[in-house]
PDB file of N, CA and C in Angstrom:
ATOM      1  N   UNK A   1      99.832  22.713 157.481  1.00  0.00           N
ATOM      2  CA  UNK A   1      98.880  23.629 157.678  1.00  0.00           C
ATOM      3  C   UNK A   1      98.944  25.128 157.929  1.00  0.00           C
ATOM      4  N   UNK A   2      97.984  25.438 157.023  1.00  0.00           N
ATOM      5  CA  UNK A   2      98.153  27.089 156.926  1.00  0.00           C
ATOM      6  C   UNK A   2      97.093  27.736 157.465  1.00  0.00           C
ATOM      7  N   UNK A   3      97.254  28.877 158.265  1.00  0.00           N
ATOM      8  CA  UNK A   3      96.053  29.755 158.890  1.00  0.00           C
ATOM      9  C   UNK A   3      95.093  30.000 158.051  1.00  0.00           C
ATOM     10  N   UNK A   4      95.477  30.694 156.733  1.00  0.00           N
ATOM     11  CA  UNK A   4      94.602  31.262 155.825  1.00  0.00           C
ATOM     12  C   UNK A   4      93.256  30.380 155.535  1.00  0.00           C
ATOM     13  N   UNK A   5      93.679  28.897 155.195  1.00  0.00           N
ATOM     14  CA  UNK A   5      92.392  27.998 155.149  1.00  0.00           C
ATOM     15  C   UNK A   5      92.097  27.613 155.626  1.00  0.00           C
ATOM     16  N   UNK A   6      92.051  28.152 157.209  1.00  0.00           N
ATOM     17  CA  UNK A   6      90.965  27.735 158.080  1.00  0.00           C
ATOM     18  C   UNK A   6      89.913  28.773 158.271  1.00  0.00           C
ATOM     19  N   UNK A   7      90.398  30.034 157.660  1.00  0.00           N
ATOM     20  CA  UNK A   7      89.491  31.195 158.308  1.00  0.00           C
ATOM     21  C   UNK A   7      88.258  31.376 156.811  1.00  0.00           C
ATOM     22  N   UNK A   8      87.335  31.906 157.555  1.00  0.00           N
ATOM     23  CA  UNK A   8      86.001  31.790 156.468  1.00  0.00           C
ATOM     24  C   UNK A   8      86.554  33.026 155.947  1.00  0.00           C
ATOM     25  N   UNK A   9      85.727  33.082 154.576  1.00  0.00           N
ATOM     26  CA  UNK A   9      85.627  33.908 153.301  1.00  0.00           C
ATOM     27  C   UNK A   9      84.472  35.045 154.138  1.00  0.00           C
ATOM     28  N   UNK A  10      85.259  36.248 154.452  1.00  0.00           N
ATOM     29  CA  UNK A  10      84.392  37.201 155.069  1.00  0.00           C
ATOM     30  C   UNK A  10      83.149  37.946 154.072  1.00  0.00           C
ATOM     31  N   UNK A  11      83.270  37.620 152.763  1.00  0.00           N
ATOM     32  CA  UNK A  11      82.013  37.985 151.999  1.00  0.00           C
ATOM     33  C   UNK A  11      81.253  37.176 151.679  1.00  0.00           C
ATOM     34  N   UNK A  12      81.700  35.553 151.720  1.00  0.00           N
ATOM     35  CA  UNK A  12      80.963  34.242 151.222  1.00  0.00           C
ATOM     36  C   UNK A  12      81.119  34.464 149.765  1.00  0.00           C
ATOM     37  N   UNK A  13      81.073  32.817 149.408  1.00  0.00           N
ATOM     38  CA  UNK A  13      81.797  32.819 147.990  1.00  0.00           C
ATOM     39  C   UNK A  13      80.401  33.158 147.128  1.00  0.00           C
ATOM     40  N   UNK A  14      79.353  33.335 147.400  1.00  0.00           N
ATOM     41  CA  UNK A  14      78.187  33.865 146.662  1.00  0.00           C
ATOM     42  C   UNK A  14      77.752  35.321 146.752  1.00  0.00           C
ATOM     43  N   UNK A  15      78.961  36.203 147.150  1.00  0.00           N
ATOM     44  CA  UNK A  15      78.578  37.732 147.621  1.00  0.00           C
ATOM     45  C   UNK A  15      78.323  38.532 146.520  1.00  0.00           C
ATOM     46  N   UNK A  16      78.908  38.366 145.387  1.00  0.00           N
ATOM     47  CA  UNK A  16      78.598  38.914 144.028  1.00  0.00           C
ATOM     48  C   UNK A  16      77.158  38.606 143.527  1.00  0.00           C
ATOM     49  N   UNK A  17      76.853  37.395 143.592  1.00  0.00           N
ATOM     50  CA  UNK A  17      75.300  37.172 143.155  1.00  0.00           C
ATOM     51  C   UNK A  17      74.155  37.749 143.894  1.00  0.00           C
ATOM     52  N   UNK A  18      74.609  37.342 145.414  1.00  0.00           N
ATOM     53  CA  UNK A  18      73.779  38.333 146.313  1.00  0.00           C
ATOM     54  C   UNK A  18      73.454  39.647 146.075  1.00  0.00           C
ATOM     55  N   UNK A  19      74.894  40.321 145.806  1.00  0.00           N
ATOM     56  CA  UNK A  19      74.479  41.909 145.676  1.00  0.00           C
ATOM     57  C   UNK A  19      73.872  42.011 144.353  1.00  0.00           C
ATOM     58  N   UNK A  20      73.977  41.168 143.626  1.00  0.00           N
ATOM     59  CA  UNK A  20      73.422  41.527 142.138  1.00  0.00           C
ATOM     60  C   UNK A  20      71.895  41.587 142.353  1.00  0.00           C
ATOM     61  N   UNK A  21      71.554  40.299 142.776  1.00  0.00           N
ATOM     62  CA  UNK A  21      70.258  39.722 143.546  1.00  0.00           C
ATOM     63  C   UNK A  21      69.368  41.390 144.098  1.00  0.00           C
ATOM     64  N   UNK A  22      69.955  41.709 145.059  1.00  0.00           N
ATOM     65  CA  UNK A  22      69.881  42.874 145.937  1.00  0.00           C
ATOM     66  C   UNK A  22      69.697  44.381 144.821  1.00  0.00           C
ATOM     67  N   UNK A  23      70.817  44.480 143.962  1.00  0.00           N
ATOM     68  CA  UNK A  23      70.286  45.511 143.192  1.00  0.00           C
ATOM     69  C   UNK A  23      69.322  45.295 142.250  1.00  0.00           C
ATOM     70  N   UNK A  24      69.130  44.465 141.847  1.00  0.00           N
ATOM     71  CA  UNK A  24      67.775  43.777 140.635  1.00  0.00           C
ATOM     72  C   UNK A  24      66.802  43.989 141.672  1.00  0.00           C
ATOM     73  N   UNK A  25      66.428  43.933 142.839  1.00  0.00           N
ATOM     74  CA  UNK A  25      65.429  44.098 143.631  1.00  0.00           C
ATOM     75  C   UNK A  25      65.411  45.246 143.666  1.00  0.00           C
ATOM     76  N   UNK A  26      66.314  46.297 144.039  1.00  0.00           N
ATOM     77  CA  UNK A  26      66.118  47.654 144.200  1.00  0.00           C
ATOM     78  C   UNK A  26      65.635  48.142 142.962  1.00  0.00           C
ATOM     79  N   UNK A  27      66.274  47.831 142.026  1.00  0.00           N
ATOM     80  CA  UNK A  27      65.998  48.777 141.030  1.00  0.00           C
ATOM     81  C   UNK A  27      64.643  48.130 140.025  1.00  0.00           C
ATOM     82  N   UNK A  28      64.025  46.837 140.805  1.00  0.00           N
ATOM     83  CA  UNK A  28      62.665  46.692 139.995  1.00  0.00           C
ATOM     84  C   UNK A  28      61.661  47.110 140.802  1.00  0.00           C
ATOM     85  N   UNK A  29      62.154  47.302 142.288  1.00  0.00           N
ATOM     86  CA  UNK A  29      60.897  47.854 143.272  1.00  0.00           C
ATOM     87  C   UNK A  29      61.026  49.388 143.353  1.00  0.00           C
ATOM     88  N   UNK A  30      62.292  49.970 143.558  1.00  0.00           N
ATOM     89  CA  UNK A  30      62.734  51.427 143.759  1.00  0.00           C
ATOM     90  C   UNK A  30      62.768  51.165 145.205  1.00  0.00           C
ATOM     91  N   UNK A  31      63.674  52.374 145.487  1.00  0.00           N
ATOM     92  CA  UNK A  31      63.973  52.698 146.997  1.00  0.00           C
ATOM     93  C   UNK A  31      63.803  54.415 146.827  1.00  0.00           C
ATOM     94  N   UNK A  32      63.046  54.704 148.212  1.00  0.00           N
ATOM     95  CA  UNK A  32      63.211  56.135 148.209  1.00  0.00           C
ATOM     96  C   UNK A  32      63.608  56.432 149.672  1.00  0.00           C
ATOM     97  N   UNK A  33      65.245  57.673 149.893  1.00  0.00           N
ATOM     98  CA  UNK A  33      65.497  57.851 150.926  1.00  0.00           C
ATOM     99  C   UNK A  33      65.318  59.435 150.942  1.00  0.00           C
ATOM    100  N   UNK A  34      64.696  59.814 152.113  1.00  0.00           N
ATOM    101  CA  UNK A  34      64.326  61.322 152.397  1.00  0.00           C
ATOM    102  C   UNK A  34      64.762  61.940 153.573  1.00  0.00           C
ATOM    103  N   UNK A  35      65.205  63.103 153.502  1.00  0.00           N
ATOM    104  CA  UNK A  35      65.588  63.735 155.122  1.00  0.00           C
ATOM    105  C   UNK A  35      65.438  65.318 154.666  1.00  0.00           C
ATOM    106  N   UNK A  36      65.236  65.725 155.769  1.00  0.00           N
ATOM    107  CA  UNK A  36      65.408  67.349 156.460  1.00  0.00           C
ATOM    108  C   UNK A  36      66.396  67.660 156.894  1.00  0.00           C
ATOM    109  N   UNK A  37      67.129  68.988 156.472  1.00  0.00           N
ATOM    110  CA  UNK A  37      68.174  69.494 157.358  1.00  0.00           C
ATOM    111  C   UNK A  37      67.933  70.821 157.656  1.00  0.00           C
ATOM    112  N   UNK A  38      67.269  71.208 158.887  1.00  0.00           N
ATOM    113  CA  UNK A  38      66.857  72.288 159.530  1.00  0.00           C
ATOM    114  C   UNK A  38      67.838  73.258 160.748  1.00  0.00           C
ATOM    115  N   UNK A  39      68.495  74.451 160.137  1.00  0.00           N
ATOM    116  CA  UNK A  39      69.086  74.777 161.116  1.00  0.00           C
ATOM    117  C   UNK A  39      68.561  76.309 161.669  1.00  0.00           C
ATOM    118  N   UNK A  40      68.256  76.553 162.913  1.00  0.00           N
ATOM    119  CA  UNK A  40      67.789  77.328 163.626  1.00  0.00           C
ATOM    120  C   UNK A  40      68.123  78.020 164.501  1.00  0.00           C
ATOM    121  N   UNK A  41      67.924  79.087 164.710  1.00  0.00           N
ATOM    122  CA  UNK A  41      68.754  80.065 165.895  1.00  0.00           C
ATOM    123  C   UNK A  41      67.933  80.671 166.757  1.00  0.00           C
ATOM    124  N   UNK A  42      67.557  80.348 167.658  1.00  0.00           N
ATOM    125  CA  UNK A  42      66.699  80.982 168.846  1.00  0.00           C
ATOM    126  C   UNK A  42      65.474  80.996 168.294  1.00  0.00           C
ATOM    127  N   UNK A  43      65.066  79.894 167.769  1.00  0.00           N
ATOM    128  CA  UNK A  43      63.502  79.623 167.198  1.00  0.00           C
ATOM    129  C   UNK A  43      63.043  80.107 165.966  1.00  0.00           C
ATOM    130  N   UNK A  44      64.272  80.742 165.477  1.00  0.00           N
ATOM    131  CA  UNK A  44      64.328  81.239 163.969  1.00  0.00           C
ATOM    132  C   UNK A  44      64.976  80.595 162.848  1.00  0.00           C
ATOM    133  N   UNK A  45      63.975  79.944 161.876  1.00  0.00           N
ATOM    134  CA  UNK A  45      64.469  79.034 161.205  1.00  0.00           C
ATOM    135  C   UNK A  45      65.311  79.826 160.264  1.00  0.00           C
ATOM    136  N   UNK A  46      66.627  79.621 159.832  1.00  0.00           N
ATOM    137  CA  UNK A  46      67.530  80.021 158.994  1.00  0.00           C
ATOM    138  C   UNK A  46      67.697  79.704 157.927  1.00  0.00           C
ATOM    139  N   UNK A  47      67.413  77.943 157.968  1.00  0.00           N
ATOM    140  CA  UNK A  47      68.090  77.455 156.856  1.00  0.00           C
ATOM    141  C   UNK A  47      67.182  75.945 156.846  1.00  0.00           C
ATOM    142  N   UNK A  48      66.437  75.626 155.663  1.00  0.00           N
ATOM    143  CA  UNK A  48      66.009  73.990 155.561  1.00  0.00           C
ATOM    144  C   UNK A  48      66.522  73.844 153.986  1.00  0.00           C
ATOM    145  N   UNK A  49      66.715  72.572 154.428  1.00  0.00           N
ATOM    146  CA  UNK A  49      67.320  71.648 153.400  1.00  0.00           C
ATOM    147  C   UNK A  49      66.676  70.449 153.004  1.00  0.00           C
ATOM    148  N   UNK A  50      65.576  70.084 151.973  1.00  0.00           N
ATOM    149  CA  UNK A  50      65.218  68.630 151.910  1.00  0.00           C
ATOM    150  C   UNK A  50      65.712  67.900 150.884  1.00  0.00           C
ATOM    151  N   UNK A  51      66.289  66.978 151.168  1.00  0.00           N
ATOM    152  CA  UNK A  51      66.874  65.911 150.700  1.00  0.00           C
ATOM    153  C   UNK A  51      66.002  64.893 150.134  1.00  0.00           C
ATOM    154  N   UNK A  52      65.613  64.018 148.714  1.00  0.00           N
ATOM    155  CA  UNK A  52      64.911  63.178 148.296  1.00  0.00           C
ATOM    156  C   UNK A  52      66.118  62.714 147.376  1.00  0.00           C
ATOM    157  N   UNK A  53      66.195  61.144 147.600  1.00  0.00           N
ATOM    158  CA  UNK A  53      66.838  60.346 146.679  1.00  0.00           C
ATOM    159  C   UNK A  53      66.063  59.145 146.390  1.00  0.00           C
ATOM    160  N   UNK A  54      65.634  59.072 144.926  1.00  0.00           N
ATOM    161  CA  UNK A  54      65.072  57.890 144.745  1.00  0.00           C
ATOM    162  C   UNK A  54      65.820  56.966 143.676  1.00  0.00           C
ATOM    163  N   UNK A  55      65.931  55.589 143.962  1.00  0.00           N
ATOM    164  CA  UNK A  55      66.540  54.549 143.104  1.00  0.00           C
ATOM    165  C   UNK A  55      66.193  53.877 142.570  1.00  0.00           C
ATOM    166  N   UNK A  56      65.721  53.974 141.408  1.00  0.00           N
ATOM    167  CA  UNK A  56      64.515  52.824 140.540  1.00  0.00           C
ATOM    168  C   UNK A  56      65.222  52.374 139.265  1.00  0.00           C
ATOM    169  N   UNK A  57      64.755  51.641 138.381  1.00  0.00           N
ATOM    170  CA  UNK A  57      65.249  51.619 137.206  1.00  0.00           C
ATOM    171  C   UNK A  57      64.300  52.400 136.400  1.00  0.00           C
ATOM    172  N   UNK A  58      64.543  52.715 135.110  1.00  0.00           N
ATOM    173  CA  UNK A  58      63.740  53.566 134.200  1.00  0.00           C
ATOM    174  C   UNK A  58      62.632  53.168 134.104  1.00  0.00           C
ATOM    175  N   UNK A  59      62.364  51.656 134.105  1.00  0.00           N
ATOM    176  CA  UNK A  59      60.881  51.506 133.606  1.00  0.00           C
ATOM    177  C   UNK A  59      59.887  51.858 135.180  1.00  0.00           C
ATOM    178  N   UNK A  60      60.620  51.492 135.960  1.00  0.00           N
ATOM    179  CA  UNK A  60      60.080  51.887 137.373  1.00  0.00           C
ATOM    180  C   UNK A  60      59.689  53.232 137.682  1.00  0.00           C
ATOM    181  N   UNK A  61      60.567  54.085 137.164  1.00  0.00           N
ATOM    182  CA  UNK A  61      60.212  55.577 137.367  1.00  0.00           C
ATOM    183  C   UNK A  61      59.171  55.865 136.529  1.00  0.00           C
ATOM    184  N   UNK A  62      59.327  55.461 135.386  1.00  0.00           N
ATOM    185  CA  UNK A  62      58.155  55.898 134.401  1.00  0.00           C
ATOM    186  C   UNK A  62      56.874  55.460 134.977  1.00  0.00           C
ATOM    187  N   UNK A  63      57.007  54.293 135.232  1.00  0.00           N
ATOM    188  CA  UNK A  63      55.603  53.737 136.040  1.00  0.00           C
ATOM    189  C   UNK A  63      55.039  54.460 137.149  1.00  0.00           C
ATOM    190  N   UNK A  64      55.878  55.194 137.888  1.00  0.00           N
ATOM    191  CA  UNK A  64      55.820  55.870 138.939  1.00  0.00           C
ATOM    192  C   UNK A  64      55.518  57.400 138.744  1.00  0.00           C
ATOM    193  N   UNK A  65      55.523  57.470 137.435  1.00  0.00           N
ATOM    194  CA  UNK A  65      55.256  58.653 136.773  1.00  0.00           C
ATOM    195  C   UNK A  65      56.258  59.993 137.058  1.00  0.00           C
ATOM    196  N   UNK A  66      57.621  59.430 137.066  1.00  0.00           N
ATOM    197  CA  UNK A  66      58.718  60.327 136.988  1.00  0.00           C
ATOM    198  C   UNK A  66      59.578  60.007 135.660  1.00  0.00           C
ATOM    199  N   UNK A  67      59.509  60.774 134.829  1.00  0.00           N
ATOM    200  CA  UNK A  67      60.324  61.131 133.533  1.00  0.00           C
ATOM    201  C   UNK A  67      60.746  62.477 132.995  1.00  0.00           C
ATOM    202  N   UNK A  68      61.362  63.259 134.080  1.00  0.00           N
ATOM    203  CA  UNK A  68      61.929  64.708 133.935  1.00  0.00           C
ATOM    204  C   UNK A  68      62.969  64.630 132.579  1.00  0.00           C
ATOM    205  N   UNK A  69      63.545  63.510 133.017  1.00  0.00           N
ATOM    206  CA  UNK A  69      64.731  63.599 131.885  1.00  0.00           C
ATOM    207  C   UNK A  69      64.401  63.317 130.507  1.00  0.00           C
ATOM    208  N   UNK A  70      63.178  63.182 130.202  1.00  0.00           N
ATOM    209  CA  UNK A  70      62.830  62.904 128.655  1.00  0.00           C
ATOM    210  C   UNK A  70      62.460  64.667 128.347  1.00  0.00           C
ATOM    211  N   UNK A  71      62.380  65.496 129.325  1.00  0.00           N
ATOM    212  CA  UNK A  71      62.083  66.464 128.825  1.00  0.00           C
ATOM    213  C   UNK A  71      63.140  67.638 128.974  1.00  0.00           C
ATOM    214  N   UNK A  72      64.208  67.387 129.639  1.00  0.00           N
ATOM    215  CA  UNK A  72      65.360  68.181 129.964  1.00  0.00           C
ATOM    216  C   UNK A  72      66.190  68.267 128.485  1.00  0.00           C
ATOM    217  N   UNK A  73      66.479  69.379 127.977  1.00  0.00           N
ATOM    218  CA  UNK A  73      67.331  69.585 126.943  1.00  0.00           C
ATOM    219  C   UNK A  73      68.847  68.907 127.173  1.00  0.00           C
ATOM    220  N   UNK A  74      69.495  69.253 128.470  1.00  0.00           N
ATOM    221  CA  UNK A  74      71.093  68.589 128.442  1.00  0.00           C
ATOM    222  C   UNK A  74      71.031  67.100 128.633  1.00  0.00           C
ATOM    223  N   UNK A  75      69.843  66.387 128.394  1.00  0.00           N
ATOM    224  CA  UNK A  75      69.852  65.102 128.830  1.00  0.00           C
ATOM    225  C   UNK A  75      69.359  63.979 127.570  1.00  0.00           C
ATOM    226  N   UNK A  76      68.470  64.845 126.701  1.00  0.00           N
ATOM    227  CA  UNK A  76      67.589  64.294 125.829  1.00  0.00           C
ATOM    228  C   UNK A  76      67.792  65.124 124.468  1.00  0.00           C
ATOM    229  N   UNK A  77      68.094  64.442 123.330  1.00  0.00           N
ATOM    230  CA  UNK A  77      67.925  65.198 122.240  1.00  0.00           C
ATOM    231  C   UNK A  77      66.674  65.269 121.637  1.00  0.00           C
ATOM    232  N   UNK A  78      65.709  64.663 121.741  1.00  0.00           N
ATOM    233  CA  UNK A  78      64.429  65.275 121.365  1.00  0.00           C
ATOM    234  C   UNK A  78      64.136  66.242 121.985  1.00  0.00           C
ATOM    235  N   UNK A  79      64.328  66.673 123.340  1.00  0.00           N
ATOM    236  CA  UNK A  79      63.723  67.420 124.185  1.00  0.00           C
ATOM    237  C   UNK A  79      64.677  68.638 123.500  1.00  0.00           C
ATOM    238  N   UNK A  80      65.966  68.643 123.147  1.00  0.00           N
ATOM    239  CA  UNK A  80      66.869  69.535 122.511  1.00  0.00           C
ATOM    240  C   UNK A  80      66.264  70.187 121.300  1.00  0.00           C
ATOM    241  N   UNK A  81      65.763  69.225 120.631  1.00  0.00           N
ATOM    242  CA  UNK A  81      65.447  69.498 119.010  1.00  0.00           C
ATOM    243  C   UNK A  81      64.170  70.279 119.518  1.00  0.00           C
ATOM    244  N   UNK A  82      63.149  69.935 120.306  1.00  0.00           N
ATOM    245  CA  UNK A  82      61.789  70.468 120.482  1.00  0.00           C
ATOM    246  C   UNK A  82      62.334  71.880 120.921  1.00  0.00           C
ATOM    247  N   UNK A  83      63.195  72.041 121.762  1.00  0.00           N
ATOM    248  CA  UNK A  83      63.677  73.492 122.210  1.00  0.00           C
ATOM    249  C   UNK A  83      64.148  74.353 121.052  1.00  0.00           C
ATOM    250  N   UNK A  84      64.953  73.613 120.547  1.00  0.00           N
ATOM    251  CA  UNK A  84      65.701  74.657 119.160  1.00  0.00           C
ATOM    252  C   UNK A  84      64.291  74.994 118.261  1.00  0.00           C
ATOM    253  N   UNK A  85      63.304  74.205 118.059  1.00  0.00           N
ATOM    254  CA  UNK A  85      62.356  74.457 117.307  1.00  0.00           C
ATOM    255  C   UNK A  85      61.518  75.578 117.669  1.00  0.00           C
ATOM    256  N   UNK A  86      61.340  75.363 118.752  1.00  0.00           N
ATOM    257  CA  UNK A  86      60.448  76.474 119.472  1.00  0.00           C
ATOM    258  C   UNK A  86      61.072  77.941 119.227  1.00  0.00           C
ATOM    259  N   UNK A  87      62.329  77.924 119.882  1.00  0.00           N
ATOM    260  CA  UNK A  87      63.138  79.182 119.771  1.00  0.00           C
ATOM    261  C   UNK A  87      63.439  79.376 118.438  1.00  0.00           C
ATOM    262  N   UNK A  88      63.492  78.747 117.416  1.00  0.00           N
ATOM    263  CA  UNK A  88      63.597  79.352 115.989  1.00  0.00           C
ATOM    264  C   UNK A  88      62.155  79.693 115.914  1.00  0.00           C
ATOM    265  N   UNK A  89      60.918  79.121 116.243  1.00  0.00           N
ATOM    266  CA  UNK A  89      59.792  79.538 115.651  1.00  0.00           C
ATOM    267  C   UNK A  89      59.634  80.928 116.428  1.00  0.00           C
ATOM    268  N   UNK A  90      59.766  81.084 117.648  1.00  0.00           N
ATOM    269  CA  UNK A  90      59.745  82.639 118.304  1.00  0.00           C
ATOM    270  C   UNK A  90      60.451  83.686 117.190  1.00  0.00           C
ATOM    271  N   UNK A  91      61.400  83.365 116.949  1.00  0.00           N
ATOM    272  CA  UNK A  91      62.904  84.226 115.958  1.00  0.00           C
ATOM    273  C   UNK A  91      62.161  84.664 114.943  1.00  0.00           C
ATOM    274  N   UNK A  92      61.600  83.777 114.263  1.00  0.00           N
ATOM    275  CA  UNK A  92      60.940  83.846 113.107  1.00  0.00           C
ATOM    276  C   UNK A  92      59.645  84.814 113.013  1.00  0.00           C
ATOM    277  N   UNK A  93      59.030  84.543 114.387  1.00  0.00           N
ATOM    278  CA  UNK A  93      57.753  85.257 114.748  1.00  0.00           C
ATOM    279  C   UNK A  93      58.333  86.777 114.938  1.00  0.00           C
ATOM    280  N   UNK A  94      59.337  86.856 115.729  1.00  0.00           N
ATOM    281  CA  UNK A  94      59.631  88.128 116.067  1.00  0.00           C
ATOM    282  C   UNK A  94      60.530  88.872 115.188  1.00  0.00           C
ATOM    283  N   UNK A  95      61.108  88.360 114.054  1.00  0.00           N
ATOM    284  CA  UNK A  95      61.361  88.857 112.704  1.00  0.00           C
ATOM    285  C   UNK A  95      60.780  89.290 112.008  1.00  0.00           C
ATOM    286  N   UNK A  96      59.219  88.656 111.955  1.00  0.00           N
ATOM    287  CA  UNK A  96      58.312  89.065 110.846  1.00  0.00           C
ATOM    288  C   UNK A  96      57.561  90.513 111.450  1.00  0.00           C
ATOM    289  N   UNK A  97      57.237  90.097 112.984  1.00  0.00           N
ATOM    290  CA  UNK A  97      57.088  91.828 113.537  1.00  0.00           C
ATOM    291  C   UNK A  97      57.795  92.816 113.129  1.00  0.00           C
ATOM    292  N   UNK A  98      59.196  92.684 113.657  1.00  0.00           N
ATOM    293  CA  UNK A  98      59.883  93.645 113.110  1.00  0.00           C
ATOM    294  C   UNK A  98      60.036  94.461 111.611  1.00  0.00           C
ATOM    295  N   UNK A  99      59.968  93.432 110.772  1.00  0.00           N
ATOM    296  CA  UNK A  99      59.683  93.562 109.439  1.00  0.00           C
ATOM    297  C   UNK A  99      58.470  94.616 108.886  1.00  0.00           C
ATOM    298  N   UNK A 100      57.227  93.802 109.680  1.00  0.00           N
ATOM    299  CA  UNK A 100      56.312  94.770 109.615  1.00  0.00           C
ATOM    300  C   UNK A 100      56.397  95.957 109.816  1.00  0.00           C
ATOM    301  N   UNK A 101      56.982  96.483 111.185  1.00  0.00           N
ATOM    302  CA  UNK A 101      57.345  97.720 111.604  1.00  0.00           C
ATOM    303  C   UNK A 101      58.130  98.711 110.921  1.00  0.00           C
ATOM    304  N   UNK A 102      59.020  98.068 110.058  1.00  0.00           N
ATOM    305  CA  UNK A 102      59.980  98.867 109.298  1.00  0.00           C
ATOM    306  C   UNK A 102      60.255  98.007 107.978  1.00  0.00           C
ATOM    307  N   UNK A 103      59.276  97.874 106.980  1.00  0.00           N
ATOM    308  CA  UNK A 103      59.186  97.013 105.840  1.00  0.00           C
ATOM    309  C   UNK A 103      60.325  97.442 104.803  1.00  0.00           C
ATOM    310  N   UNK A 104      60.788  99.117 104.871  1.00  0.00           N
ATOM    311  CA  UNK A 104      61.573  99.703 104.080  1.00  0.00           C
ATOM    312  C   UNK A 104      62.968  99.272 104.313  1.00  0.00           C
ATOM    313  N   UNK A 105      63.231  99.345 105.804  1.00  0.00           N
ATOM    314  CA  UNK A 105      64.689  99.297 106.304  1.00  0.00           C
ATOM    315  C   UNK A 105      64.861  97.411 106.119  1.00  0.00           C
ATOM    316  N   UNK A 106      64.163  96.915 106.279  1.00  0.00           N
ATOM    317  CA  UNK A 106      64.539  95.286 106.103  1.00  0.00           C
ATOM    318  C   UNK A 106      65.125  94.880 104.861  1.00  0.00           C
ATOM    319  N   UNK A 107      64.612  95.840 103.593  1.00  0.00           N
ATOM    320  CA  UNK A 107      64.798  95.571 102.262  1.00  0.00           C
ATOM    321  C   UNK A 107      66.171  96.199 102.055  1.00  0.00           C
ATOM    322  N   UNK A 108      66.477  97.534 102.456  1.00  0.00           N
ATOM    323  CA  UNK A 108      67.441  98.042 102.355  1.00  0.00           C
ATOM    324  C   UNK A 108      68.732  97.501 102.791  1.00  0.00           C
ATOM    325  N   UNK A 109      68.651  96.958 103.946  1.00  0.00           N
ATOM    326  CA  UNK A 109      69.709  96.135 104.554  1.00  0.00           C
ATOM    327  C   UNK A 109      70.103  94.604 103.779  1.00  0.00           C
ATOM    328  N   UNK A 110      69.140  94.171 103.050  1.00  0.00           N
ATOM    329  CA  UNK A 110      69.234  93.172 102.296  1.00  0.00           C
ATOM    330  C   UNK A 110      70.359  93.545 100.937  1.00  0.00           C
ATOM    331  N   UNK A 111      69.883  94.545 100.512  1.00  0.00           N
ATOM    332  CA  UNK A 111      70.693  94.713  99.381  1.00  0.00           C
ATOM    333  C   UNK A 111      72.411  95.181  99.526  1.00  0.00           C
ATOM    334  N   UNK A 112      73.108  94.724  98.396  1.00  0.00           N
ATOM    335  CA  UNK A 112      74.402  94.693  98.575  1.00  0.00           C
ATOM    336  C   UNK A 112      75.099  96.287  98.529  1.00  0.00           C
TER     337      UNK A 112
END
């Protein structure tokens, strides 16, 4: 008889399923963790750090009105295209203004 067979499993046989259920519930409902760190010296506030963490599914976050990743050019190709289109329009407008200021000079530079 071995001792290992008599010891209970520390995580239980359904531990993976329980973890998956918990994760599904958290993503479905969402969870907010908030905290503030303040550093004071002689009643003078030197530093305040506010930490906020939200864990939720994308659908739940959108439901709560959180969709900042959709307008961030580093995270969204659509936002990147919009930013490039805006920048292109601004540059065309700026070029048109410069050409109006010096119409002869722009033509001279284009000639070989």
